[in-house]
């Protein structure tokens, strides 16, 4: 079913919108949450929570890109679940690695908002990502937004894992330079 028809179901408050969304995007959301949580049961619950959040937010929101709207909801749900679970114990998986990789670009100060609001930082990072080549942009987003492993990215782009790691390192260095140029202090 086309996204515009699924959105109409939401706007008409037709419960079949949830079924159609699950059919079309359930597996996609599961992969996003599994990349973050590395736990099948938690990932399945994240998909269900994503569907519920979509139901509760459409309307009033009418996303232009349903796929990315769901990805953002799912990612936030998965991060919230990850944070709540890792409050008790440190999780395994890619998330600690991904966050560690990005720490070289973003200030480690506990008072980031005094330097820049999170919204402004997000805007700057988005501008930077859009300025990269399509391949580099996709690699960056797959790694740092979706939390995909280096091996999955390497397979997707027919690259070696080492090459992907080099590309990511170069992008992070460019990002650090860009953030510094934009007035965001990197430690």
C-alpha atoms as a PDB file:
ATOM      1  CA  UNK A   1       0.000   0.000   0.000  1.00  0.00           C
ATOM      2  CA  UNK A   2       1.258   3.481  -0.837  1.00  0.00           C
ATOM      3  CA  UNK A   3       2.317   5.765   1.994  1.00  0.00           C
ATOM      4  CA  UNK A   4      -0.263   8.425   1.144  1.00  0.00           C
ATOM      5  CA  UNK A   5      -3.037   5.818   1.488  1.00  0.00           C
ATOM      6  CA  UNK A   6      -1.631   4.637   4.810  1.00  0.00           C
ATOM      7  CA  UNK A   7      -1.553   8.250   6.017  1.00  0.00           C
ATOM      8  CA  UNK A   8      -5.189   8.671   4.983  1.00  0.00           C
ATOM      9  CA  UNK A   9      -6.056   5.659   7.134  1.00  0.00           C
ATOM     10  CA  UNK A  10      -4.369   7.368  10.087  1.00  0.00           C
ATOM     11  CA  UNK A  11      -6.189  10.627   9.412  1.00  0.00           C
ATOM     12  CA  UNK A  12      -9.500   8.754   9.221  1.00  0.00           C
ATOM     13  CA  UNK A  13      -8.568   6.990  12.516  1.00  0.00           C
ATOM     14  CA  UNK A  14      -8.894   3.621  10.803  1.00  0.00           C
ATOM     15  CA  UNK A  15      -7.103   0.939  12.854  1.00  0.00           C
ATOM     16  CA  UNK A  16      -6.046  -0.834   9.676  1.00  0.00           C
ATOM     17  CA  UNK A  17      -3.419   1.920   9.376  1.00  0.00           C
ATOM     18  CA  UNK A  18      -1.435   0.105  12.062  1.00  0.00           C
ATOM     19  CA  UNK A  19      -1.654  -3.236  10.216  1.00  0.00           C
ATOM     20  CA  UNK A  20      -0.638  -1.664   6.910  1.00  0.00           C
ATOM     21  CA  UNK A  21       2.250   0.174   8.558  1.00  0.00           C
ATOM     22  CA  UNK A  22       3.410  -3.033  10.231  1.00  0.00           C
ATOM     23  CA  UNK A  23       3.272  -4.920   6.926  1.00  0.00           C
ATOM     24  CA  UNK A  24       5.238  -2.303   5.058  1.00  0.00           C
ATOM     25  CA  UNK A  25       7.657  -0.998   7.716  1.00  0.00           C
ATOM     26  CA  UNK A  26       7.642  -3.522  10.576  1.00  0.00           C
ATOM     27  CA  UNK A  27      10.817  -5.302   9.491  1.00  0.00           C
ATOM     28  CA  UNK A  28      12.545  -1.974   8.773  1.00  0.00           C
ATOM     29  CA  UNK A  29      11.770  -0.718  12.295  1.00  0.00           C
ATOM     30  CA  UNK A  30      12.832  -4.040  13.785  1.00  0.00           C
ATOM     31  CA  UNK A  31      16.276  -3.762  12.158  1.00  0.00           C
ATOM     32  CA  UNK A  32      16.723  -0.216  13.466  1.00  0.00           C
ATOM     33  CA  UNK A  33      15.868  -1.212  17.013  1.00  0.00           C
ATOM     34  CA  UNK A  34      17.881  -4.451  16.820  1.00  0.00           C
ATOM     35  CA  UNK A  35      20.970  -2.459  15.760  1.00  0.00           C
ATOM     36  CA  UNK A  36      20.623  -0.405  18.935  1.00  0.00           C
ATOM     37  CA  UNK A  37      19.376  -2.991  21.430  1.00  0.00           C
ATOM     38  CA  UNK A  38      20.783  -6.329  20.221  1.00  0.00           C
ATOM     39  CA  UNK A  39      17.791  -8.052  21.782  1.00  0.00           C
ATOM     40  CA  UNK A  40      14.962  -9.643  19.799  1.00  0.00           C
ATOM     41  CA  UNK A  41      12.228  -9.275  22.417  1.00  0.00           C
ATOM     42  CA  UNK A  42      13.077  -5.640  23.176  1.00  0.00           C
ATOM     43  CA  UNK A  43      13.259  -4.881  19.461  1.00  0.00           C
ATOM     44  CA  UNK A  44       9.819  -6.395  18.874  1.00  0.00           C
ATOM     45  CA  UNK A  45       8.432  -4.261  21.699  1.00  0.00           C
ATOM     46  CA  UNK A  46      10.086  -1.193  20.127  1.00  0.00           C
ATOM     47  CA  UNK A  47       8.298  -1.905  16.864  1.00  0.00           C
ATOM     48  CA  UNK A  48       4.979  -2.111  18.721  1.00  0.00           C
ATOM     49  CA  UNK A  49       5.757   1.107  20.606  1.00  0.00           C
ATOM     50  CA  UNK A  50       6.688   2.770  17.314  1.00  0.00           C
ATOM     51  CA  UNK A  51       3.334   1.797  15.805  1.00  0.00           C
ATOM     52  CA  UNK A  52       1.526   3.124  18.890  1.00  0.00           C
ATOM     53  CA  UNK A  53       3.478   6.389  18.780  1.00  0.00           C
ATOM     54  CA  UNK A  54       2.683   6.764  15.080  1.00  0.00           C
ATOM     55  CA  UNK A  55      -1.012   6.193  15.827  1.00  0.00           C
ATOM     56  CA  UNK A  56      -0.899   8.815  18.589  1.00  0.00           C
ATOM     57  CA  UNK A  57       1.006  11.408  16.548  1.00  0.00           C
ATOM     58  CA  UNK A  58      -0.722  11.133  13.149  1.00  0.00           C
ATOM     59  CA  UNK A  59      -2.764  13.374  13.245  1.00  0.00           C
ATOM     60  CA  UNK A  60      -1.863  16.115  14.091  1.00  0.00           C
ATOM     61  CA  UNK A  61       1.446  15.498  12.298  1.00  0.00           C
ATOM     62  CA  UNK A  62       1.339  14.616   8.623  1.00  0.00           C
ATOM     63  CA  UNK A  63       4.822  13.374   7.721  1.00  0.00           C
ATOM     64  CA  UNK A  64       6.069  13.982   4.220  1.00  0.00           C
ATOM     65  CA  UNK A  65       8.200  10.847   4.397  1.00  0.00           C
ATOM     66  CA  UNK A  66       6.475   8.106   6.406  1.00  0.00           C
ATOM     67  CA  UNK A  67       9.494   5.820   6.289  1.00  0.00           C
ATOM     68  CA  UNK A  68      11.844   8.375   7.881  1.00  0.00           C
ATOM     69  CA  UNK A  69       9.150   9.496  10.326  1.00  0.00           C
ATOM     70  CA  UNK A  70       8.817   5.921  11.577  1.00  0.00           C
ATOM     71  CA  UNK A  71      12.606   5.498  11.627  1.00  0.00           C
ATOM     72  CA  UNK A  72      12.983   8.535  13.861  1.00  0.00           C
ATOM     73  CA  UNK A  73      10.241   7.369  16.230  1.00  0.00           C
ATOM     74  CA  UNK A  74      11.696   3.855  16.346  1.00  0.00           C
ATOM     75  CA  UNK A  75      15.202   5.114  16.948  1.00  0.00           C
ATOM     76  CA  UNK A  76      14.043   7.329  19.818  1.00  0.00           C
ATOM     77  CA  UNK A  77      12.044   4.484  21.385  1.00  0.00           C
ATOM     78  CA  UNK A  78      15.042   2.154  21.080  1.00  0.00           C
ATOM     79  CA  UNK A  79      17.431   4.721  22.585  1.00  0.00           C
ATOM     80  CA  UNK A  80      15.040   5.289  25.485  1.00  0.00           C
ATOM     81  CA  UNK A  81      14.818   1.544  26.105  1.00  0.00           C
ATOM     82  CA  UNK A  82      18.604   1.228  25.795  1.00  0.00           C
ATOM     83  CA  UNK A  83      19.158   4.047  28.282  1.00  0.00           C
ATOM     84  CA  UNK A  84      16.731   2.552  30.771  1.00  0.00           C
ATOM     85  CA  UNK A  85      18.302  -0.913  30.489  1.00  0.00           C
ATOM     86  CA  UNK A  86      21.885   0.351  30.629  1.00  0.00           C
ATOM     87  CA  UNK A  87      21.130   2.329  33.772  1.00  0.00           C
ATOM     88  CA  UNK A  88      21.422  -1.037  35.524  1.00  0.00           C
ATOM     89  CA  UNK A  89      24.103  -2.634  33.353  1.00  0.00           C
ATOM     90  CA  UNK A  90      26.209  -1.736  30.335  1.00  0.00           C
ATOM     91  CA  UNK A  91      24.759  -3.240  27.177  1.00  0.00           C
ATOM     92  CA  UNK A  92      26.668  -5.056  24.507  1.00  0.00           C
ATOM     93  CA  UNK A  93      26.413  -4.145  20.880  1.00  0.00           C
ATOM     94  CA  UNK A  94      27.199  -1.252  18.623  1.00  0.00           C
ATOM     95  CA  UNK A  95      25.723   1.685  20.515  1.00  0.00           C
ATOM     96  CA  UNK A  96      28.636   2.240  22.922  1.00  0.00           C
ATOM     97  CA  UNK A  97      31.027   1.994  19.956  1.00  0.00           C
ATOM     98  CA  UNK A  98      28.997   4.412  17.831  1.00  0.00           C
ATOM     99  CA  UNK A  99      28.785   6.960  20.642  1.00  0.00           C
ATOM    100  CA  UNK A 100      32.484   6.599  21.369  1.00  0.00           C
ATOM    101  CA  UNK A 101      33.348   7.200  17.702  1.00  0.00           C
ATOM    102  CA  UNK A 102      31.313  10.402  17.625  1.00  0.00           C
ATOM    103  CA  UNK A 103      32.741  11.660  20.914  1.00  0.00           C
ATOM    104  CA  UNK A 104      35.835  12.894  19.061  1.00  0.00           C
ATOM    105  CA  UNK A 105      33.623  15.368  17.175  1.00  0.00           C
ATOM    106  CA  UNK A 106      31.292  16.561  19.910  1.00  0.00           C
ATOM    107  CA  UNK A 107      32.301  18.269  23.111  1.00  0.00           C
ATOM    108  CA  UNK A 108      32.400  16.076  26.183  1.00  0.00           C
ATOM    109  CA  UNK A 109      31.319  18.968  28.381  1.00  0.00           C
ATOM    110  CA  UNK A 110      28.315  18.137  30.533  1.00  0.00           C
ATOM    111  CA  UNK A 111      26.872  21.557  29.771  1.00  0.00           C
ATOM    112  CA  UNK A 112      26.592  21.314  25.987  1.00  0.00           C
ATOM    113  CA  UNK A 113      23.531  23.567  25.966  1.00  0.00           C
ATOM    114  CA  UNK A 114      25.588  26.459  27.319  1.00  0.00           C
ATOM    115  CA  UNK A 115      27.776  26.178  24.212  1.00  0.00           C
ATOM    116  CA  UNK A 116      25.007  25.520  21.703  1.00  0.00           C
ATOM    117  CA  UNK A 117      21.438  24.361  21.926  1.00  0.00           C
ATOM    118  CA  UNK A 118      20.895  20.760  20.906  1.00  0.00           C
ATOM    119  CA  UNK A 119      18.592  21.961  18.143  1.00  0.00           C
ATOM    120  CA  UNK A 120      21.248  24.244  16.688  1.00  0.00           C
ATOM    121  CA  UNK A 121      23.846  21.479  16.848  1.00  0.00           C
ATOM    122  CA  UNK A 122      21.420  19.161  15.025  1.00  0.00           C
ATOM    123  CA  UNK A 123      20.909  21.776  12.310  1.00  0.00           C
ATOM    124  CA  UNK A 124      24.663  22.174  11.834  1.00  0.00           C
ATOM    125  CA  UNK A 125      25.265  18.411  11.666  1.00  0.00           C
ATOM    126  CA  UNK A 126      22.420  18.055   9.131  1.00  0.00           C
ATOM    127  CA  UNK A 127      23.971  20.758   6.944  1.00  0.00           C
ATOM    128  CA  UNK A 128      27.316  18.997   7.154  1.00  0.00           C
ATOM    129  CA  UNK A 129      25.872  15.588   6.279  1.00  0.00           C
ATOM    130  CA  UNK A 130      24.013  17.025   3.288  1.00  0.00           C
ATOM    131  CA  UNK A 131      27.269  18.508   1.987  1.00  0.00           C
ATOM    132  CA  UNK A 132      28.904  15.061   1.741  1.00  0.00           C
ATOM    133  CA  UNK A 133      28.859  12.802  -1.297  1.00  0.00           C
ATOM    134  CA  UNK A 134      25.855  10.477  -1.525  1.00  0.00           C
ATOM    135  CA  UNK A 135      27.950   7.420  -0.628  1.00  0.00           C
ATOM    136  CA  UNK A 136      29.631   9.087   2.353  1.00  0.00           C
ATOM    137  CA  UNK A 137      26.317  10.519   3.535  1.00  0.00           C
ATOM    138  CA  UNK A 138      24.689   7.100   3.385  1.00  0.00           C
ATOM    139  CA  UNK A 139      27.583   5.438   5.197  1.00  0.00           C
ATOM    140  CA  UNK A 140      27.512   8.115   7.919  1.00  0.00           C
ATOM    141  CA  UNK A 141      23.737   7.865   8.403  1.00  0.00           C
ATOM    142  CA  UNK A 142      23.770   4.067   8.411  1.00  0.00           C
ATOM    143  CA  UNK A 143      26.470   4.040  11.084  1.00  0.00           C
ATOM    144  CA  UNK A 144      25.475   6.959  13.294  1.00  0.00           C
ATOM    145  CA  UNK A 145      21.709   7.189  12.830  1.00  0.00           C
ATOM    146  CA  UNK A 146      20.735   3.556  12.326  1.00  0.00           C
ATOM    147  CA  UNK A 147      23.642   2.055  14.294  1.00  0.00           C
ATOM    148  CA  UNK A 148      24.567  -0.480  11.618  1.00  0.00           C
ATOM    149  CA  UNK A 149      27.757  -2.446  12.086  1.00  0.00           C
ATOM    150  CA  UNK A 150      30.799  -1.747   9.958  1.00  0.00           C
ATOM    151  CA  UNK A 151      30.548  -5.240   8.473  1.00  0.00           C
ATOM    152  CA  UNK A 152      26.935  -4.688   7.333  1.00  0.00           C
ATOM    153  CA  UNK A 153      27.864  -1.352   5.750  1.00  0.00           C
ATOM    154  CA  UNK A 154      30.901  -2.900   4.059  1.00  0.00           C
ATOM    155  CA  UNK A 155      28.756  -5.644   2.562  1.00  0.00           C
ATOM    156  CA  UNK A 156      26.091  -3.152   1.411  1.00  0.00           C
ATOM    157  CA  UNK A 157      28.655  -1.017  -0.452  1.00  0.00           C
ATOM    158  CA  UNK A 158      30.981  -3.826  -1.582  1.00  0.00           C
ATOM    159  CA  UNK A 159      33.822  -2.423   0.487  1.00  0.00           C
ATOM    160  CA  UNK A 160      36.203  -3.924   2.993  1.00  0.00           C
ATOM    161  CA  UNK A 161      35.519  -3.236   6.656  1.00  0.00           C
ATOM    162  CA  UNK A 162      38.814  -1.386   6.849  1.00  0.00           C
ATOM    163  CA  UNK A 163      37.785   0.884   3.972  1.00  0.00           C
ATOM    164  CA  UNK A 164      34.485   1.683   5.709  1.00  0.00           C
ATOM    165  CA  UNK A 165      36.353   2.512   8.920  1.00  0.00           C
ATOM    166  CA  UNK A 166      38.701   4.818   6.978  1.00  0.00           C
ATOM    167  CA  UNK A 167      35.742   6.555   5.291  1.00  0.00           C
ATOM    168  CA  UNK A 168      34.026   7.025   8.675  1.00  0.00           C
ATOM    169  CA  UNK A 169      37.232   8.359  10.216  1.00  0.00           C
ATOM    170  CA  UNK A 170      37.632  10.904   7.416  1.00  0.00           C
ATOM    171  CA  UNK A 171      33.999  12.001   7.733  1.00  0.00           C
ATOM    172  CA  UNK A 172      34.373  12.432  11.501  1.00  0.00           C
ATOM    173  CA  UNK A 173      37.503  14.555  10.973  1.00  0.00           C
ATOM    174  CA  UNK A 174      35.619  16.689   8.442  1.00  0.00           C
ATOM    175  CA  UNK A 175      32.704  16.983  10.876  1.00  0.00           C
ATOM    176  CA  UNK A 176      35.012  18.100  13.673  1.00  0.00           C
ATOM    177  CA  UNK A 177      36.552  20.749  11.412  1.00  0.00           C
ATOM    178  CA  UNK A 178      33.088  21.858  10.263  1.00  0.00           C
ATOM    179  CA  UNK A 179      31.783  22.118  13.833  1.00  0.00           C
ATOM    180  CA  UNK A 180      34.809  24.149  14.872  1.00  0.00           C
ATOM    181  CA  UNK A 181      34.353  26.464  11.863  1.00  0.00           C
ATOM    182  CA  UNK A 182      30.684  26.935  12.800  1.00  0.00           C
ATOM    183  CA  UNK A 183      31.673  28.010  16.293  1.00  0.00           C
ATOM    184  CA  UNK A 184      31.051  24.776  18.115  1.00  0.00           C
ATOM    185  CA  UNK A 185      34.067  24.072  20.311  1.00  0.00           C
ATOM    186  CA  UNK A 186      35.298  20.464  20.116  1.00  0.00           C
ATOM    187  CA  UNK A 187      37.501  19.162  22.909  1.00  0.00           C
END
